C-alpha cells in the first residue's frame, strides 16, 4: 500500500509540473534583460516568423526572434525614402523630404544621451531579407494613445501620466518629428508610456515645432539637456544624421533650455521642474 501511495504521489507531482509548464509566459513572466542583452538578442537571434503590420505606411513587419532558449517579437522598419519634394493629401508639401529607419536609430542614440531611453524600446540596425532597417524590441502594450482617446479612458494616476507626457513633449520638440501621431504613443498595462517611430523626425529647422507644448520638465532630463555635448552627439549619431541635422538638434536644445530657464525665473523652479 505504501508503494501504491508513493506511485500516486509521483503521478500527481508529474501532472502538476506538466500543467505549470503548459501555461504560456505572460509579459510579466519574461526574464528581465539589461538593455545590452536586449541589443545582442535583437542583433543575433534567428527570425522564426514574420507578419506585416496593419498600421502605418513605413512597411513595418513584426518579426518573431529566437535564440534557441528565449523567443520574443520585434518591429522591423526598412523604409529609407528621400525625395526633393513630397506632396501630401492635405495639400501640404515638404522640400528635401526624408522618411528613414535611420532616424529611429538616431532617436534612440540621442535618448540614451539624455536619459529618455526608458520611454523607448531598444533599437538596433539589422538586415533581414536583403534589406537593412531598424529593429526594435516588441513592447507589452495594451493600447496606443489613439485608442485611449477614442475609448475616452482616463489614467488612474493623472499626475504620473502628465509627468510622462511632459517628457515626451520635450523629446518631440528636440527631434522635430514632422509626422507625430497618437499611434506612436504606446500604453502599457501599468499605464507606462513609450514613444516609438521617428522615421520622419530630425528636420533641419533650428526652430521648435510647437514650443507651446513645453509646460514642465523632468529635473534629470533638464540637466542632461543642458549637458548635451555636440561632439558626443556626433559620435553617437554620425552614422544616421548629417552635420546639418545634428546642428539643428543642438540649436533646438538651446531653445528648449532657454524656454524652461525663462519659466523658472518667472514662476520658480518647483513650478517648472519635477
Protein backbone atom coordinates (compact mmCIF):
# COMPACT_ATOMS: atom_id res chain seq x y z
CA UNK A 1 0.00 0.00 0.00
CA UNK A 2 2.86 2.38 0.82
CA UNK A 3 4.37 1.80 -2.64
CA UNK A 4 0.96 2.44 -4.23
CA UNK A 5 0.59 5.74 -2.36
CA UNK A 6 4.06 6.80 -3.47
CA UNK A 7 3.21 5.96 -7.08
CA UNK A 8 0.07 8.07 -6.96
CA UNK A 9 2.02 10.91 -5.33
CA UNK A 10 4.61 10.78 -8.10
CA UNK A 11 1.85 10.90 -10.72
CA UNK A 12 0.25 13.91 -9.06
CA UNK A 13 3.55 15.77 -8.89
CA UNK A 14 4.27 14.99 -12.55
CA UNK A 15 0.80 16.21 -13.54
CA UNK A 16 1.27 19.46 -11.61
CA UNK A 17 4.64 20.10 -13.25
CA UNK A 18 3.11 19.45 -16.67
CA UNK A 19 0.27 21.91 -16.05
CA UNK A 20 2.63 24.62 -14.80
CA UNK A 21 4.95 24.21 -17.77
CA UNK A 22 2.00 24.26 -20.16
CA UNK A 23 0.90 27.75 -19.06
CA UNK A 24 2.22 30.31 -21.58
CA UNK A 25 4.51 33.04 -20.30
CA UNK A 26 2.97 36.48 -19.95
CA UNK A 27 4.88 39.75 -20.34
CA UNK A 28 5.38 39.89 -16.57
CA UNK A 29 6.75 36.31 -16.56
CA UNK A 30 9.51 37.10 -19.05
CA UNK A 31 13.05 37.23 -17.68
CA UNK A 32 14.45 40.68 -17.06
CA UNK A 33 17.20 41.61 -19.51
CA UNK A 34 19.58 44.54 -19.49
CA UNK A 35 19.47 46.92 -22.45
CA UNK A 36 22.77 45.46 -23.68
CA UNK A 37 21.35 41.92 -23.53
CA UNK A 38 18.29 43.08 -25.47
CA UNK A 39 20.54 44.67 -28.10
CA UNK A 40 22.52 41.45 -28.52
CA UNK A 41 19.33 39.40 -28.81
CA UNK A 42 17.92 41.74 -31.47
CA UNK A 43 21.19 41.65 -33.39
CA UNK A 44 21.79 37.92 -33.36
CA UNK A 45 18.62 35.92 -32.63
CA UNK A 46 17.16 33.96 -35.54
CA UNK A 47 13.99 35.18 -37.27
CA UNK A 48 11.50 32.30 -37.00
CA UNK A 49 8.31 34.04 -38.12
CA UNK A 50 7.08 37.32 -39.60
CA UNK A 51 3.91 39.23 -40.42
CA UNK A 52 3.13 42.62 -41.97
CA UNK A 53 1.89 45.35 -39.65
CA UNK A 54 -1.65 46.62 -40.26
CA UNK A 55 -0.79 50.13 -39.05
CA UNK A 56 1.42 52.80 -40.57
CA UNK A 57 2.90 53.35 -44.02
CA UNK A 58 6.55 52.55 -43.33
CA UNK A 59 6.37 48.86 -44.38
CA UNK A 60 6.79 47.66 -40.82
CA UNK A 61 6.98 43.91 -40.13
CA UNK A 62 6.52 42.10 -36.83
CA UNK A 63 9.29 39.53 -36.55
CA UNK A 64 9.47 36.67 -34.07
CA UNK A 65 13.05 36.05 -32.91
CA UNK A 66 14.52 33.08 -31.06
CA UNK A 67 17.98 32.27 -29.76
CA UNK A 68 17.00 28.68 -29.02
CA UNK A 69 16.21 29.45 -25.39
CA UNK A 70 14.15 32.61 -25.47
CA UNK A 71 11.60 33.84 -28.02
CA UNK A 72 10.41 37.44 -28.42
CA UNK A 73 8.92 39.68 -31.11
CA UNK A 74 10.46 42.77 -32.68
CA UNK A 75 9.40 45.54 -35.07
CA UNK A 76 11.37 45.88 -38.31
CA UNK A 77 11.27 49.14 -40.32
CA UNK A 78 13.37 49.22 -43.52
CA UNK A 79 11.98 52.42 -45.04
CA UNK A 80 14.60 54.85 -46.39
CA UNK A 81 12.98 57.30 -48.81
CA UNK A 82 14.48 60.60 -49.98
CA UNK A 83 12.55 62.99 -52.24
CA UNK A 84 13.24 66.51 -53.49
CA UNK A 85 9.57 67.39 -52.95
CA UNK A 86 6.87 65.35 -51.22
CA UNK A 87 3.22 66.33 -51.71
CA UNK A 88 0.66 65.26 -49.13
CA UNK A 89 -3.07 64.56 -49.46
CA UNK A 90 -3.98 67.60 -47.33
CA UNK A 91 -2.27 69.95 -49.79
CA UNK A 92 0.98 70.38 -47.86
CA UNK A 93 4.35 69.76 -49.42
CA UNK A 94 7.83 69.27 -47.97
CA UNK A 95 11.13 70.03 -49.66
CA UNK A 96 14.00 67.57 -49.16
CA UNK A 97 11.64 65.03 -47.67
CA UNK A 98 13.15 62.08 -45.79
CA UNK A 99 11.38 59.06 -44.30
CA UNK A 100 14.09 56.78 -42.90
CA UNK A 101 14.64 53.98 -40.43
CA UNK A 102 17.96 55.67 -39.61
CA UNK A 103 16.08 58.30 -37.62
CA UNK A 104 14.79 55.59 -35.27
CA UNK A 105 18.40 54.69 -34.53
CA UNK A 106 19.40 58.34 -34.14
CA UNK A 107 16.46 58.95 -31.79
CA UNK A 108 17.45 56.03 -29.57
CA UNK A 109 21.10 57.12 -29.51
CA UNK A 110 20.01 60.63 -28.50
CA UNK A 111 17.60 59.21 -25.92
CA UNK A 112 20.46 57.30 -24.30
CA UNK A 113 22.45 60.51 -24.01
CA UNK A 114 19.71 62.44 -22.21
CA UNK A 115 18.04 59.67 -20.21
CA UNK A 116 14.90 59.31 -22.30
CA UNK A 117 15.64 55.71 -23.35
CA UNK A 118 13.42 54.33 -20.57
CA UNK A 119 10.48 55.67 -22.61
CA UNK A 120 11.52 53.98 -25.86
CA UNK A 121 12.04 50.38 -26.95
CA UNK A 122 15.63 49.35 -27.65
CA UNK A 123 16.53 49.94 -31.32
CA UNK A 124 19.34 48.33 -33.33
CA UNK A 125 20.26 48.25 -37.01
CA UNK A 126 19.83 44.88 -38.70
CA UNK A 127 19.44 43.33 -42.14
CA UNK A 128 16.54 41.00 -42.96
CA UNK A 129 15.65 39.52 -46.34
CA UNK A 130 18.30 41.65 -48.02
CA UNK A 131 17.04 44.94 -46.57
CA UNK A 132 18.64 46.97 -43.80
CA UNK A 133 16.38 48.63 -41.26
CA UNK A 134 15.77 49.40 -37.60
CA UNK A 135 14.73 46.55 -35.33
CA UNK A 136 13.08 47.34 -32.01
CA UNK A 137 12.01 45.27 -29.01
CA UNK A 138 8.29 44.48 -29.07
CA UNK A 139 6.65 46.10 -26.06
CA UNK A 140 3.89 44.73 -23.76
CA UNK A 141 1.24 47.20 -24.90
CA UNK A 142 -2.48 47.23 -24.14
CA UNK A 143 -3.36 50.14 -26.46
CA UNK A 144 -2.00 53.26 -28.14
CA UNK A 145 -2.97 56.84 -27.40
CA UNK A 146 -5.35 56.99 -30.37
CA UNK A 147 -7.36 54.08 -28.98
CA UNK A 148 -7.35 55.56 -25.47
CA UNK A 149 -8.76 58.84 -26.78
CA UNK A 150 -11.43 57.04 -28.82
CA UNK A 151 -12.48 54.96 -25.80
CA UNK A 152 -12.39 58.06 -23.56
CA UNK A 153 -10.29 56.29 -20.94
CA UNK A 154 -8.56 58.24 -18.19
CA UNK A 155 -5.32 57.12 -16.48
CA UNK A 156 -5.75 56.18 -12.80
CA UNK A 157 -2.87 58.47 -11.75
CA UNK A 158 -3.19 61.74 -13.65
CA UNK A 159 -0.03 63.27 -12.20
CA UNK A 160 2.11 60.29 -13.21
CA UNK A 161 0.55 60.37 -16.66
CA UNK A 162 1.20 64.09 -17.07
CA UNK A 163 4.82 63.73 -15.99
CA UNK A 164 5.38 61.12 -18.69
CA UNK A 165 3.65 63.25 -21.32
CA UNK A 166 5.78 66.27 -20.39
CA UNK A 167 8.91 64.23 -21.14
CA UNK A 168 7.51 63.06 -24.47
CA UNK A 169 6.71 66.65 -25.45
CA UNK A 170 10.25 67.75 -24.70
CA UNK A 171 11.73 64.92 -26.73
CA UNK A 172 9.34 65.56 -29.63
CA UNK A 173 10.49 69.17 -29.79
CA UNK A 174 14.12 68.12 -29.64
CA UNK A 175 13.91 65.67 -32.56
CA UNK A 176 11.37 67.72 -34.56
CA UNK A 177 9.12 64.90 -35.76
CA UNK A 178 7.31 66.06 -38.91
CA UNK A 179 4.67 63.35 -38.56
CA UNK A 180 3.82 62.79 -34.89
CA UNK A 181 0.56 60.95 -34.29
CA UNK A 182 -1.27 59.30 -31.44
CA UNK A 183 -0.48 55.77 -32.65
CA UNK A 184 3.18 56.45 -31.87
CA UNK A 185 2.49 56.78 -28.14
CA UNK A 186 2.02 53.31 -26.65
CA UNK A 187 0.44 52.49 -23.28
CA UNK A 188 1.45 49.53 -21.13
CA UNK A 189 -0.62 47.57 -18.62
CA UNK A 190 0.53 49.80 -15.75
CA UNK A 191 -0.05 52.97 -17.85
CA UNK A 192 3.62 53.31 -18.64
CA UNK A 193 4.14 55.33 -21.84
CA UNK A 194 6.53 54.65 -24.69
CA UNK A 195 7.30 56.78 -27.74
CA UNK A 196 8.06 54.96 -30.99
CA UNK A 197 8.56 55.56 -34.74
CA UNK A 198 10.76 58.54 -35.58
CA UNK A 199 11.22 57.90 -39.32
CA UNK A 200 10.12 61.45 -40.18
CA UNK A 201 11.98 63.23 -37.41
CA UNK A 202 15.23 65.23 -37.37
CA UNK A 203 14.19 68.00 -39.75
CA UNK A 204 16.84 70.66 -40.24
CA UNK A 205 14.86 73.54 -38.75
CA UNK A 206 16.56 75.35 -35.88
CA UNK A 207 13.14 76.39 -34.59
CA UNK A 208 10.80 74.39 -32.37
CA UNK A 209 7.73 72.84 -33.98
CA UNK A 210 5.40 73.50 -31.04
CA UNK A 211 7.08 75.44 -28.20
CA UNK A 212 3.69 75.97 -26.55
CA UNK A 213 3.67 72.29 -25.61
CA UNK A 214 6.61 72.82 -23.27
CA UNK A 215 4.94 73.22 -19.88
CA UNK A 216 7.06 71.35 -17.33
CA UNK A 217 10.22 69.24 -17.41
CA UNK A 218 11.70 66.33 -15.51
CA UNK A 219 14.70 67.57 -13.48
CA UNK A 220 17.13 64.91 -14.65
CA UNK A 221 16.08 65.37 -18.26
CA UNK A 222 16.58 69.12 -17.95
CA UNK A 223 20.09 68.70 -16.50
CA UNK A 224 21.07 66.22 -19.22
CA UNK A 225 19.69 68.51 -21.91
CA UNK A 226 21.89 71.32 -20.61
CA UNK A 227 24.89 68.98 -20.56
CA UNK A 228 24.31 67.58 -24.06
CA UNK A 229 27.58 67.94 -25.94
CA UNK A 230 27.71 68.46 -29.71
CA UNK A 231 30.79 66.27 -30.08
CA UNK A 232 29.24 63.47 -28.04
CA UNK A 233 26.05 63.71 -30.11
CA UNK A 234 28.06 63.50 -33.31
CA UNK A 235 29.95 60.45 -32.11
CA UNK A 236 26.70 58.64 -31.23
CA UNK A 237 24.69 59.59 -34.33
CA UNK A 238 27.24 60.15 -37.15
CA UNK A 239 26.07 57.01 -38.95
CA UNK A 240 22.48 58.24 -39.05
CA UNK A 241 22.46 62.06 -39.08
CA UNK A 242 24.07 64.66 -41.30
CA UNK A 243 26.06 67.52 -39.78
CA UNK A 244 23.16 69.87 -40.55
CA UNK A 245 20.69 67.59 -38.77
CA UNK A 246 22.96 67.32 -35.74
CA UNK A 247 23.47 71.09 -35.56
CA UNK A 248 19.70 71.55 -35.71
CA UNK A 249 19.29 69.24 -32.70
CA UNK A 250 21.72 71.38 -30.68
CA UNK A 251 20.00 74.59 -31.82
CA UNK A 252 16.61 73.23 -30.73
CA UNK A 253 18.13 72.04 -27.45
CA UNK A 254 19.31 75.57 -26.78
CA UNK A 255 15.81 76.92 -27.38
CA UNK A 256 14.20 74.29 -25.15
CA UNK A 257 16.62 75.01 -22.32
CA UNK A 258 16.11 78.75 -22.80
CA UNK A 259 12.32 78.42 -22.57
CA UNK A 260 12.49 76.46 -19.32
CA UNK A 261 15.09 78.77 -17.82
CA UNK A 262 12.82 81.73 -18.53
CA UNK A 263 9.85 79.91 -16.99
CA UNK A 264 11.92 79.07 -13.90
CA UNK A 265 12.89 82.72 -13.50
CA UNK A 266 9.24 83.78 -13.76
CA UNK A 267 7.45 81.01 -11.82
CA UNK A 268 10.09 79.40 -9.65
CA UNK A 269 11.92 76.11 -10.13
CA UNK A 270 9.39 73.92 -8.30
CA UNK A 271 6.58 75.08 -10.59
CA UNK A 272 8.51 74.13 -13.71
CA UNK A 273 10.70 71.16 -12.79
CA UNK A 274 9.56 67.96 -11.11
